[in-house]
């Protein structure tokens, strides 16, 4: 849902980097993600599950970007 909203807002904002229709902007934005696809809620949930588990008990002070390689 956030991705769709971001695409809509970008399409509505004049830019030299993005097109002005939703389909073009969505394709341009996906091209910037190294995995070339949207992430899924299950992929985010699996990271959250890990962080809540004992396997992550020694992890402190780190940012985990769930972004398919995009920065």
PDB file of N, CA and C in Angstrom:
ATOM      1  N   UNK A   1       0.834  -1.189   0.000  1.00  0.00           N
ATOM      2  CA  UNK A   1       0.000   0.000   0.000  1.00  0.00           C
ATOM      3  C   UNK A   1       0.883   1.259   0.000  1.00  0.00           C
ATOM      4  N   UNK A   2       1.963   1.233   0.799  1.00  0.00           N
ATOM      5  CA  UNK A   2       2.855   2.395   0.829  1.00  0.00           C
ATOM      6  C   UNK A   2       3.521   2.602  -0.523  1.00  0.00           C
ATOM      7  N   UNK A   3       3.900   1.496  -1.165  1.00  0.00           N
ATOM      8  CA  UNK A   3       4.558   1.590  -2.476  1.00  0.00           C
ATOM      9  C   UNK A   3       3.614   2.245  -3.478  1.00  0.00           C
ATOM     10  N   UNK A   4       2.367   1.792  -3.515  1.00  0.00           N
ATOM     11  CA  UNK A   4       1.397   2.355  -4.454  1.00  0.00           C
ATOM     12  C   UNK A   4       1.208   3.847  -4.223  1.00  0.00           C
ATOM     13  N   UNK A   5       1.131   4.247  -2.973  1.00  0.00           N
ATOM     14  CA  UNK A   5       0.952   5.666  -2.653  1.00  0.00           C
ATOM     15  C   UNK A   5       2.178   6.473  -3.075  1.00  0.00           C
ATOM     16  N   UNK A   6       3.360   5.932  -2.833  1.00  0.00           N
ATOM     17  CA  UNK A   6       4.584   6.622  -3.223  1.00  0.00           C
ATOM     18  C   UNK A   6       4.642   6.800  -4.739  1.00  0.00           C
ATOM     19  N   UNK A   7       4.254   5.767  -5.475  1.00  0.00           N
ATOM     20  CA  UNK A   7       4.241   5.847  -6.939  1.00  0.00           C
ATOM     21  C   UNK A   7       3.248   6.908  -7.405  1.00  0.00           C
ATOM     22  N   UNK A   8       2.057   6.922  -6.821  1.00  0.00           N
ATOM     23  CA  UNK A   8       1.048   7.927  -7.184  1.00  0.00           C
ATOM     24  C   UNK A   8       1.556   9.339  -6.945  1.00  0.00           C
ATOM     25  N   UNK A   9       2.147   9.561  -5.776  1.00  0.00           N
ATOM     26  CA  UNK A   9       2.641  10.902  -5.445  1.00  0.00           C
ATOM     27  C   UNK A   9       3.777  11.314  -6.380  1.00  0.00           C
ATOM     28  N   UNK A  10       4.667  10.369  -6.706  1.00  0.00           N
ATOM     29  CA  UNK A  10       5.776  10.694  -7.600  1.00  0.00           C
ATOM     30  C   UNK A  10       5.267  11.024  -8.998  1.00  0.00           C
ATOM     31  N   UNK A  11       4.279  10.278  -9.468  1.00  0.00           N
ATOM     32  CA  UNK A  11       3.718  10.533 -10.801  1.00  0.00           C
ATOM     33  C   UNK A  11       3.058  11.909 -10.860  1.00  0.00           C
ATOM     34  N   UNK A  12       2.514  12.349  -9.737  1.00  0.00           N
ATOM     35  CA  UNK A  12       1.828  13.646  -9.693  1.00  0.00           C
ATOM     36  C   UNK A  12       2.786  14.816  -9.509  1.00  0.00           C
ATOM     37  N   UNK A  13       4.048  14.527  -9.223  1.00  0.00           N
ATOM     38  CA  UNK A  13       5.043  15.572  -8.980  1.00  0.00           C
ATOM     39  C   UNK A  13       5.960  15.711 -10.191  1.00  0.00           C
ATOM     40  N   UNK A  14       6.012  16.864 -10.807  1.00  0.00           N
ATOM     41  CA  UNK A  14       6.900  17.036 -11.966  1.00  0.00           C
ATOM     42  C   UNK A  14       8.355  16.714 -11.587  1.00  0.00           C
ATOM     43  N   UNK A  15       9.016  15.942 -12.451  1.00  0.00           N
ATOM     44  CA  UNK A  15      10.386  15.528 -12.157  1.00  0.00           C
ATOM     45  C   UNK A  15      11.127  15.239 -13.453  1.00  0.00           C
ATOM     46  N   UNK A  16      12.398  15.550 -13.462  1.00  0.00           N
ATOM     47  CA  UNK A  16      13.219  15.218 -14.626  1.00  0.00           C
ATOM     48  C   UNK A  16      13.649  13.748 -14.588  1.00  0.00           C
ATOM     49  N   UNK A  17      13.435  13.076 -13.458  1.00  0.00           N
ATOM     50  CA  UNK A  17      13.897  11.704 -13.281  1.00  0.00           C
ATOM     51  C   UNK A  17      12.810  10.658 -13.486  1.00  0.00           C
ATOM     52  N   UNK A  18      11.551  11.038 -13.304  1.00  0.00           N
ATOM     53  CA  UNK A  18      10.443  10.098 -13.392  1.00  0.00           C
ATOM     54  C   UNK A  18       9.396  10.591 -14.386  1.00  0.00           C
ATOM     55  N   UNK A  19       8.664   9.627 -14.942  1.00  0.00           N
ATOM     56  CA  UNK A  19       7.570   9.958 -15.848  1.00  0.00           C
ATOM     57  C   UNK A  19       6.418  10.591 -15.092  1.00  0.00           C
ATOM     58  N   UNK A  20       5.307  10.800 -15.796  1.00  0.00           N
ATOM     59  CA  UNK A  20       4.173  11.451 -15.152  1.00  0.00           C
ATOM     60  C   UNK A  20       2.931  10.569 -15.101  1.00  0.00           C
ATOM     61  N   UNK A  21       3.087   9.266 -15.413  1.00  0.00           N
ATOM     62  CA  UNK A  21       1.956   8.369 -15.228  1.00  0.00           C
ATOM     63  C   UNK A  21       2.380   7.233 -14.303  1.00  0.00           C
ATOM     64  N   UNK A  22       1.412   6.673 -13.599  1.00  0.00           N
ATOM     65  CA  UNK A  22       1.670   5.706 -12.537  1.00  0.00           C
ATOM     66  C   UNK A  22       2.423   4.473 -13.045  1.00  0.00           C
ATOM     67  N   UNK A  23       2.043   3.928 -14.177  1.00  0.00           N
ATOM     68  CA  UNK A  23       2.700   2.717 -14.686  1.00  0.00           C
ATOM     69  C   UNK A  23       4.171   2.963 -15.013  1.00  0.00           C
ATOM     70  N   UNK A  24       4.475   4.092 -15.631  1.00  0.00           N
ATOM     71  CA  UNK A  24       5.860   4.421 -15.971  1.00  0.00           C
ATOM     72  C   UNK A  24       6.689   4.612 -14.704  1.00  0.00           C
ATOM     73  N   UNK A  25       6.157   5.356 -13.740  1.00  0.00           N
ATOM     74  CA  UNK A  25       6.881   5.602 -12.493  1.00  0.00           C
ATOM     75  C   UNK A  25       7.117   4.285 -11.749  1.00  0.00           C
ATOM     76  N   UNK A  26       6.118   3.415 -11.695  1.00  0.00           N
ATOM     77  CA  UNK A  26       6.283   2.132 -11.011  1.00  0.00           C
ATOM     78  C   UNK A  26       7.417   1.328 -11.648  1.00  0.00           C
ATOM     79  N   UNK A  27       7.468   1.289 -12.970  1.00  0.00           N
ATOM     80  CA  UNK A  27       8.540   0.569 -13.670  1.00  0.00           C
ATOM     81  C   UNK A  27       9.891   1.208 -13.397  1.00  0.00           C
ATOM     82  N   UNK A  28       9.950   2.529 -13.401  1.00  0.00           N
ATOM     83  CA  UNK A  28      11.210   3.230 -13.139  1.00  0.00           C
ATOM     84  C   UNK A  28      11.689   2.971 -11.711  1.00  0.00           C
ATOM     85  N   UNK A  29      10.772   2.944 -10.773  1.00  0.00           N
ATOM     86  CA  UNK A  29      11.165   2.723  -9.383  1.00  0.00           C
ATOM     87  C   UNK A  29      11.614   1.279  -9.155  1.00  0.00           C
ATOM     88  N   UNK A  30      10.925   0.322  -9.746  1.00  0.00           N
ATOM     89  CA  UNK A  30      11.333  -1.086  -9.615  1.00  0.00           C
ATOM     90  C   UNK A  30      12.705  -1.296 -10.240  1.00  0.00           C
ATOM     91  N   UNK A  31      13.007  -0.578 -11.313  1.00  0.00           N
ATOM     92  CA  UNK A  31      14.326  -0.690 -11.944  1.00  0.00           C
ATOM     93  C   UNK A  31      15.453  -0.265 -10.997  1.00  0.00           C
ATOM     94  N   UNK A  32      15.133   0.496  -9.967  1.00  0.00           N
ATOM     95  CA  UNK A  32      16.142   0.940  -9.005  1.00  0.00           C
ATOM     96  C   UNK A  32      16.363  -0.071  -7.878  1.00  0.00           C
ATOM     97  N   UNK A  33      15.520  -1.098  -7.814  1.00  0.00           N
ATOM     98  CA  UNK A  33      15.657  -2.144  -6.802  1.00  0.00           C
ATOM     99  C   UNK A  33      16.447  -3.294  -7.414  1.00  0.00           C
ATOM    100  N   UNK A  34      17.611  -3.629  -6.866  1.00  0.00           N
ATOM    101  CA  UNK A  34      18.431  -4.675  -7.468  1.00  0.00           C
ATOM    102  C   UNK A  34      17.712  -6.014  -7.671  1.00  0.00           C
ATOM    103  N   UNK A  35      16.777  -6.390  -6.803  1.00  0.00           N
ATOM    104  CA  UNK A  35      16.054  -7.656  -6.986  1.00  0.00           C
ATOM    105  C   UNK A  35      14.931  -7.551  -8.013  1.00  0.00           C
ATOM    106  N   UNK A  36      14.654  -6.339  -8.506  1.00  0.00           N
ATOM    107  CA  UNK A  36      13.671  -6.073  -9.563  1.00  0.00           C
ATOM    108  C   UNK A  36      12.254  -6.588  -9.251  1.00  0.00           C
ATOM    109  N   UNK A  37      11.869  -6.465  -7.970  1.00  0.00           N
ATOM    110  CA  UNK A  37      10.506  -6.854  -7.590  1.00  0.00           C
ATOM    111  C   UNK A  37      10.142  -6.183  -6.273  1.00  0.00           C
ATOM    112  N   UNK A  38       8.838  -6.205  -5.990  1.00  0.00           N
ATOM    113  CA  UNK A  38       8.353  -5.704  -4.712  1.00  0.00           C
ATOM    114  C   UNK A  38       8.703  -6.710  -3.623  1.00  0.00           C
ATOM    115  N   UNK A  39       8.905  -6.230  -2.421  1.00  0.00           N
ATOM    116  CA  UNK A  39       9.010  -7.117  -1.277  1.00  0.00           C
ATOM    117  C   UNK A  39       7.615  -7.529  -0.842  1.00  0.00           C
ATOM    118  N   UNK A  40       7.524  -8.617  -0.111  1.00  0.00           N
ATOM    119  CA  UNK A  40       6.224  -9.096   0.356  1.00  0.00           C
ATOM    120  C   UNK A  40       6.079  -8.881   1.854  1.00  0.00           C
ATOM    121  N   UNK A  41       4.857  -8.817   2.340  1.00  0.00           N
ATOM    122  CA  UNK A  41       4.658  -8.727   3.793  1.00  0.00           C
ATOM    123  C   UNK A  41       5.306  -9.904   4.527  1.00  0.00           C
ATOM    124  N   UNK A  42       5.283 -11.089   3.922  1.00  0.00           N
ATOM    125  CA  UNK A  42       5.908 -12.256   4.554  1.00  0.00           C
ATOM    126  C   UNK A  42       7.413 -12.071   4.711  1.00  0.00           C
ATOM    127  N   UNK A  43       8.058 -11.404   3.747  1.00  0.00           N
ATOM    128  CA  UNK A  43       9.493 -11.160   3.850  1.00  0.00           C
ATOM    129  C   UNK A  43       9.809 -10.209   5.004  1.00  0.00           C
ATOM    130  N   UNK A  44       8.978  -9.215   5.188  1.00  0.00           N
ATOM    131  CA  UNK A  44       9.156  -8.291   6.316  1.00  0.00           C
ATOM    132  C   UNK A  44       8.876  -9.035   7.620  1.00  0.00           C
ATOM    133  N   UNK A  45       7.810  -9.822   7.643  1.00  0.00           N
ATOM    134  CA  UNK A  45       7.445 -10.559   8.856  1.00  0.00           C
ATOM    135  C   UNK A  45       8.543 -11.532   9.272  1.00  0.00           C
ATOM    136  N   UNK A  46       9.214 -12.152   8.314  1.00  0.00           N
ATOM    137  CA  UNK A  46      10.270 -13.108   8.675  1.00  0.00           C
ATOM    138  C   UNK A  46      11.446 -12.406   9.360  1.00  0.00           C
ATOM    139  N   UNK A  47      11.751 -11.186   8.943  1.00  0.00           N
ATOM    140  CA  UNK A  47      12.816 -10.429   9.616  1.00  0.00           C
ATOM    141  C   UNK A  47      12.368 -10.047  11.026  1.00  0.00           C
ATOM    142  N   UNK A  48      11.137  -9.619  11.162  1.00  0.00           N
ATOM    143  CA  UNK A  48      10.605  -9.268  12.484  1.00  0.00           C
ATOM    144  C   UNK A  48      10.614 -10.501  13.388  1.00  0.00           C
ATOM    145  N   UNK A  49      10.186 -11.648  12.839  1.00  0.00           N
ATOM    146  CA  UNK A  49      10.203 -12.894  13.608  1.00  0.00           C
ATOM    147  C   UNK A  49      11.616 -13.212  14.110  1.00  0.00           C
ATOM    148  N   UNK A  50      12.599 -13.055  13.223  1.00  0.00           N
ATOM    149  CA  UNK A  50      13.987 -13.279  13.614  1.00  0.00           C
ATOM    150  C   UNK A  50      14.394 -12.338  14.748  1.00  0.00           C
ATOM    151  N   UNK A  51      14.071 -11.062  14.605  1.00  0.00           N
ATOM    152  CA  UNK A  51      14.464 -10.091  15.628  1.00  0.00           C
ATOM    153  C   UNK A  51      13.809 -10.368  16.978  1.00  0.00           C
ATOM    154  N   UNK A  52      12.639 -10.957  16.953  1.00  0.00           N
ATOM    155  CA  UNK A  52      11.943 -11.288  18.200  1.00  0.00           C
ATOM    156  C   UNK A  52      12.393 -12.623  18.784  1.00  0.00           C
ATOM    157  N   UNK A  53      13.179 -13.370  18.045  1.00  0.00           N
ATOM    158  CA  UNK A  53      13.595 -14.703  18.484  1.00  0.00           C
ATOM    159  C   UNK A  53      14.867 -14.649  19.327  1.00  0.00           C
ATOM    160  N   UNK A  54      15.163 -15.769  19.964  1.00  0.00           N
ATOM    161  CA  UNK A  54      16.404 -15.883  20.727  1.00  0.00           C
ATOM    162  C   UNK A  54      17.624 -15.846  19.819  1.00  0.00           C
ATOM    163  N   UNK A  55      17.468 -16.162  18.536  1.00  0.00           N
ATOM    164  CA  UNK A  55      18.589 -16.109  17.591  1.00  0.00           C
ATOM    165  C   UNK A  55      19.155 -14.696  17.452  1.00  0.00           C
ATOM    166  N   UNK A  56      18.361 -13.696  17.770  1.00  0.00           N
ATOM    167  CA  UNK A  56      18.804 -12.300  17.650  1.00  0.00           C
ATOM    168  C   UNK A  56      19.147 -11.699  19.012  1.00  0.00           C
ATOM    169  N   UNK A  57      19.313 -12.537  20.025  1.00  0.00           N
ATOM    170  CA  UNK A  57      19.491 -12.026  21.393  1.00  0.00           C
ATOM    171  C   UNK A  57      20.778 -11.224  21.600  1.00  0.00           C
ATOM    172  N   UNK A  58      21.770 -11.404  20.746  1.00  0.00           N
ATOM    173  CA  UNK A  58      23.028 -10.686  20.898  1.00  0.00           C
ATOM    174  C   UNK A  58      23.147  -9.522  19.921  1.00  0.00           C
ATOM    175  N   UNK A  59      22.114  -9.261  19.189  1.00  0.00           N
ATOM    176  CA  UNK A  59      22.094  -8.183  18.199  1.00  0.00           C
ATOM    177  C   UNK A  59      21.676  -6.882  18.875  1.00  0.00           C
ATOM    178  N   UNK A  60      22.474  -5.846  18.709  1.00  0.00           N
ATOM    179  CA  UNK A  60      22.116  -4.535  19.270  1.00  0.00           C
ATOM    180  C   UNK A  60      22.530  -3.431  18.303  1.00  0.00           C
ATOM    181  N   UNK A  61      21.775  -2.354  18.311  1.00  0.00           N
ATOM    182  CA  UNK A  61      22.151  -1.130  17.616  1.00  0.00           C
ATOM    183  C   UNK A  61      22.427  -1.264  16.134  1.00  0.00           C
ATOM    184  N   UNK A  62      21.591  -1.951  15.395  1.00  0.00           N
ATOM    185  CA  UNK A  62      21.812  -2.093  13.964  1.00  0.00           C
ATOM    186  C   UNK A  62      20.511  -1.780  13.214  1.00  0.00           C
ATOM    187  N   UNK A  63      20.663  -1.157  12.067  1.00  0.00           N
ATOM    188  CA  UNK A  63      19.507  -0.911  11.201  1.00  0.00           C
ATOM    189  C   UNK A  63      19.451  -2.024  10.169  1.00  0.00           C
ATOM    190  N   UNK A  64      18.277  -2.602  10.015  1.00  0.00           N
ATOM    191  CA  UNK A  64      18.092  -3.639   9.018  1.00  0.00           C
ATOM    192  C   UNK A  64      17.136  -3.102   7.966  1.00  0.00           C
ATOM    193  N   UNK A  65      17.650  -2.894   6.768  1.00  0.00           N
ATOM    194  CA  UNK A  65      16.820  -2.405   5.667  1.00  0.00           C
ATOM    195  C   UNK A  65      16.287  -3.593   4.893  1.00  0.00           C
ATOM    196  N   UNK A  66      14.980  -3.690   4.819  1.00  0.00           N
ATOM    197  CA  UNK A  66      14.341  -4.764   4.067  1.00  0.00           C
ATOM    198  C   UNK A  66      13.907  -4.109   2.751  1.00  0.00           C
ATOM    199  N   UNK A  67      14.866  -4.013   1.832  1.00  0.00           N
ATOM    200  CA  UNK A  67      14.645  -3.183   0.646  1.00  0.00           C
ATOM    201  C   UNK A  67      15.098  -3.825  -0.654  1.00  0.00           C
ATOM    202  N   UNK A  68      15.322  -5.114  -0.659  1.00  0.00           N
ATOM    203  CA  UNK A  68      15.703  -5.776  -1.906  1.00  0.00           C
ATOM    204  C   UNK A  68      17.018  -5.291  -2.494  1.00  0.00           C
ATOM    205  N   UNK A  69      17.870  -4.735  -1.656  1.00  0.00           N
ATOM    206  CA  UNK A  69      19.148  -4.239  -2.124  1.00  0.00           C
ATOM    207  C   UNK A  69      19.172  -2.752  -2.454  1.00  0.00           C
ATOM    208  N   UNK A  70      18.006  -2.118  -2.441  1.00  0.00           N
ATOM    209  CA  UNK A  70      17.953  -0.671  -2.705  1.00  0.00           C
ATOM    210  C   UNK A  70      18.433   0.058  -1.463  1.00  0.00           C
ATOM    211  N   UNK A  71      19.053   1.201  -1.674  1.00  0.00           N
ATOM    212  CA  UNK A  71      19.512   1.962  -0.506  1.00  0.00           C
ATOM    213  C   UNK A  71      18.740   3.244  -0.354  1.00  0.00           C
TER     214      UNK A  71
END
